Amino acid sequence: MSLVVTGSPGVGKHTVAEALGREAGLDVIDANGIALRAGLVGAGGEVDVSRLAAELEGLAGEGSLVVGHLAPHALRAGTVAAAVVIRRSPYELEAVYAGRRYSRDKALDNLGAEILGVVADEAIGAFGGAAVRQVDSTGREPAEVAALARRALEGTYAGDEVDWLGEIGARGDVRRFFAH
């Protein structure tokens, strides 16, 4: 059974997965990269997840770590031993998306998804709540996030409680992130 690292764009999931792969000798499988290389991404950016699932079925298994926000859509519950969702403050992600030159709409879509915990919800729906933990990367060094993710995947760390909606609400910033 595979392990999974997932999360919204810009949270640090590939950095974490690469560190875990090196430390544990796991084969890191980039779900998004496979979708691109296999020509599974349409003109509008949509991914054929059923075909991606077929591609991953032959690659993922014992000793593998699947990384990408598409993992909850392309892997079956019975094939995943544990999953960690990397989370990050929308205030930090704004700067990440600006650095990546995301359009305002694309940035707001991704920020909204992170604030609402969309990827976490998808992972829980796909793999079951007992298999999924969240790790907040906000203000943490990559090595610390990777160490917490490793412990979460091993079952020795319960994960972090994340409530970005409560935080932005308390700061009066709901319209800042949900302006469209």
Protein backbone atom coordinates (compact mmCIF):
# COMPACT_ATOMS: atom_id res chain seq x y z
CA MET A 1 0.00 0.00 0.00
CA SER A 2 1.15 3.51 -0.84
CA LEU A 3 1.70 6.57 1.27
CA VAL A 4 0.38 9.93 0.07
CA VAL A 5 1.44 13.57 0.47
CA THR A 6 -1.17 16.00 -0.82
CA GLY A 7 -2.26 19.60 -0.37
CA SER A 8 -3.07 22.80 -2.20
CA PRO A 9 -0.52 24.28 -4.62
CA GLY A 10 2.34 26.04 -2.85
CA VAL A 11 2.09 24.39 0.57
CA GLY A 12 5.37 22.47 0.17
CA LYS A 13 4.15 18.96 -0.63
CA HIS A 14 6.87 18.19 -3.21
CA THR A 15 9.62 19.43 -0.88
CA VAL A 16 8.23 17.25 1.91
CA ALA A 17 7.80 14.22 -0.37
CA GLU A 18 11.35 14.48 -1.71
CA ALA A 19 12.75 14.65 1.85
CA LEU A 20 10.65 11.67 2.94
CA GLY A 21 11.67 9.71 -0.13
CA ARG A 22 15.37 10.27 0.60
CA GLU A 23 15.07 9.50 4.31
CA ALA A 24 12.94 6.39 4.00
CA GLY A 25 14.12 5.10 0.63
CA LEU A 26 10.65 5.47 -0.86
CA ASP A 27 9.91 5.73 -4.56
CA VAL A 28 8.35 9.20 -4.96
CA ILE A 29 5.64 9.25 -7.62
CA ASP A 30 4.49 12.69 -8.80
CA ALA A 31 0.83 12.27 -9.78
CA ASN A 32 0.66 15.66 -11.47
CA GLY A 33 3.87 14.99 -13.40
CA ILE A 34 2.52 11.66 -14.62
CA ALA A 35 -0.69 13.35 -15.77
CA LEU A 36 1.35 15.84 -17.80
CA ARG A 37 3.77 13.29 -19.28
CA ALA A 38 0.95 10.90 -20.20
CA GLY A 39 -1.02 13.64 -21.96
CA LEU A 40 -3.92 13.45 -19.52
CA VAL A 41 -4.34 17.21 -19.13
CA GLY A 42 -6.92 18.80 -21.40
CA ALA A 43 -6.78 22.23 -23.02
CA GLY A 44 -8.69 23.78 -20.10
CA GLY A 45 -6.36 22.22 -17.54
CA GLU A 46 -8.75 19.45 -16.52
CA VAL A 47 -7.18 16.05 -15.86
CA ASP A 48 -8.60 12.70 -16.91
CA VAL A 49 -8.44 11.20 -13.40
CA SER A 50 -9.73 7.78 -14.43
CA ARG A 51 -6.82 7.42 -16.85
CA LEU A 52 -4.46 8.84 -14.21
CA ALA A 53 -5.76 6.21 -11.79
CA ALA A 54 -4.89 3.51 -14.33
CA GLU A 55 -1.39 4.98 -14.77
CA LEU A 56 -0.81 5.13 -11.01
CA GLU A 57 -2.16 1.62 -10.42
CA GLY A 58 0.88 0.14 -12.11
CA LEU A 59 3.35 2.38 -10.27
CA ALA A 60 2.04 2.90 -6.75
CA GLY A 61 2.33 0.22 -4.10
CA GLU A 62 4.46 -0.90 -1.19
CA GLY A 63 7.46 1.40 -0.80
CA SER A 64 5.95 4.22 -2.82
CA LEU A 65 4.98 7.75 -1.86
CA VAL A 66 2.48 9.41 -4.18
CA VAL A 67 2.59 13.22 -4.15
CA GLY A 68 0.14 15.70 -5.65
CA HIS A 69 -3.22 17.32 -5.15
CA LEU A 70 -4.70 14.84 -7.62
CA ALA A 71 -3.87 11.81 -5.44
CA PRO A 72 -7.25 11.75 -3.64
CA HIS A 73 -8.98 11.65 -7.02
CA ALA A 74 -6.80 8.95 -8.57
CA LEU A 75 -6.04 6.45 -5.79
CA ARG A 76 -8.49 4.02 -4.22
CA ALA A 77 -8.91 3.86 -0.44
CA GLY A 78 -7.70 0.27 -0.18
CA THR A 79 -4.40 1.12 -1.87
CA VAL A 80 -3.34 3.86 0.59
CA ALA A 81 -1.89 3.05 4.02
CA ALA A 82 -1.72 6.68 5.20
CA ALA A 83 -1.96 10.19 3.81
CA VAL A 84 -0.75 13.56 5.01
CA VAL A 85 -2.27 16.83 3.85
CA ILE A 86 0.20 19.71 4.01
CA ARG A 87 -1.59 22.94 4.92
CA ARG A 88 -0.34 26.53 4.85
CA SER A 89 -1.65 29.91 5.93
CA PRO A 90 -3.43 31.78 3.14
CA TYR A 91 -1.42 34.84 4.15
CA GLU A 92 1.82 32.99 3.26
CA LEU A 93 0.28 31.44 0.16
CA GLU A 94 -0.61 34.88 -1.24
CA ALA A 95 3.11 35.64 -1.51
CA VAL A 96 3.84 32.21 -3.01
CA TYR A 97 1.20 32.69 -5.70
CA ALA A 98 2.40 36.22 -6.45
CA GLY A 99 5.91 34.80 -6.92
CA ARG A 100 4.52 32.19 -9.29
CA ARG A 101 2.66 34.94 -11.16
CA TYR A 102 -0.74 33.31 -10.73
CA SER A 103 -3.62 35.36 -12.10
CA ARG A 104 -5.84 36.91 -9.44
CA ASP A 105 -8.62 34.42 -10.20
CA LYS A 106 -6.27 31.43 -10.03
CA ALA A 107 -4.75 32.68 -6.77
CA LEU A 108 -8.17 33.30 -5.21
CA ASP A 109 -9.42 29.87 -6.32
CA ASN A 110 -6.43 28.15 -4.71
CA LEU A 111 -6.56 30.35 -1.59
CA GLY A 112 -10.27 29.64 -1.20
CA ALA A 113 -9.65 25.91 -1.51
CA GLU A 114 -6.94 26.05 1.15
CA ILE A 115 -9.06 28.16 3.50
CA LEU A 116 -12.01 25.79 3.18
CA GLY A 117 -9.85 22.67 3.48
CA VAL A 118 -10.96 21.26 0.14
CA VAL A 119 -7.94 18.96 -0.37
CA ALA A 120 -8.14 17.72 3.23
CA ASP A 121 -11.83 16.94 2.73
CA GLU A 122 -11.09 15.15 -0.55
CA ALA A 123 -8.37 13.06 1.12
CA ILE A 124 -10.65 12.10 4.01
CA GLY A 125 -13.39 11.21 1.55
CA ALA A 126 -11.04 9.10 -0.56
CA PHE A 127 -8.92 7.39 2.10
CA GLY A 128 -10.99 7.61 5.29
CA GLY A 129 -10.50 9.84 8.30
CA ALA A 130 -8.37 7.32 10.18
CA ALA A 131 -5.75 7.32 7.41
CA VAL A 132 -5.44 11.11 6.98
CA ARG A 133 -3.49 13.64 9.06
CA GLN A 134 -2.89 17.35 8.46
CA VAL A 135 0.45 19.10 8.97
CA ASP A 136 0.59 22.90 9.02
CA SER A 137 3.71 24.16 7.24
CA THR A 138 3.12 27.81 8.18
CA GLY A 139 6.29 29.40 9.52
CA ARG A 140 8.08 26.05 9.70
CA GLU A 141 11.30 25.03 8.02
CA PRO A 142 10.96 22.29 5.38
CA ALA A 143 12.94 19.79 7.51
CA GLU A 144 10.54 20.28 10.42
CA VAL A 145 7.50 19.85 8.17
CA ALA A 146 9.02 16.69 6.67
CA ALA A 147 9.73 15.28 10.15
CA LEU A 148 6.15 15.95 11.27
CA ALA A 149 4.79 14.47 8.03
CA ARG A 150 6.90 11.34 8.54
CA ARG A 151 5.56 10.95 12.08
CA ALA A 152 2.01 11.55 10.84
CA LEU A 153 2.40 8.85 8.18
CA GLU A 154 3.85 6.49 10.80
CA GLY A 155 0.90 7.18 13.09
CA THR A 156 2.98 8.72 15.90
CA TYR A 157 1.78 12.29 15.32
CA ALA A 158 -1.93 13.12 15.41
CA GLY A 159 -1.44 16.09 13.11
CA ASP A 160 -2.39 19.73 13.39
CA GLU A 161 -5.79 21.35 13.76
CA VAL A 162 -6.23 23.83 10.93
CA ASP A 163 -8.97 26.48 10.74
CA TRP A 164 -8.06 29.13 8.21
CA LEU A 165 -11.68 30.25 7.83
CA GLY A 166 -11.86 31.03 11.54
CA GLU A 167 -8.57 32.90 11.34
CA ILE A 168 -9.45 35.07 8.35
CA GLY A 169 -12.88 35.71 9.87
CA ALA A 170 -11.34 36.85 13.15
CA ARG A 171 -9.05 39.20 11.20
CA GLY A 172 -11.91 40.58 9.10
CA ASP A 173 -10.33 39.30 5.89
CA VAL A 174 -13.09 37.11 4.41
CA ARG A 175 -13.67 39.52 1.50
CA ARG A 176 -9.93 39.68 0.86
CA PHE A 177 -9.90 35.98 -0.02
CA PHE A 178 -13.45 35.52 -1.32
CA ALA A 179 -13.79 38.66 -3.43
CA HIS A 180 -15.09 37.10 -6.62
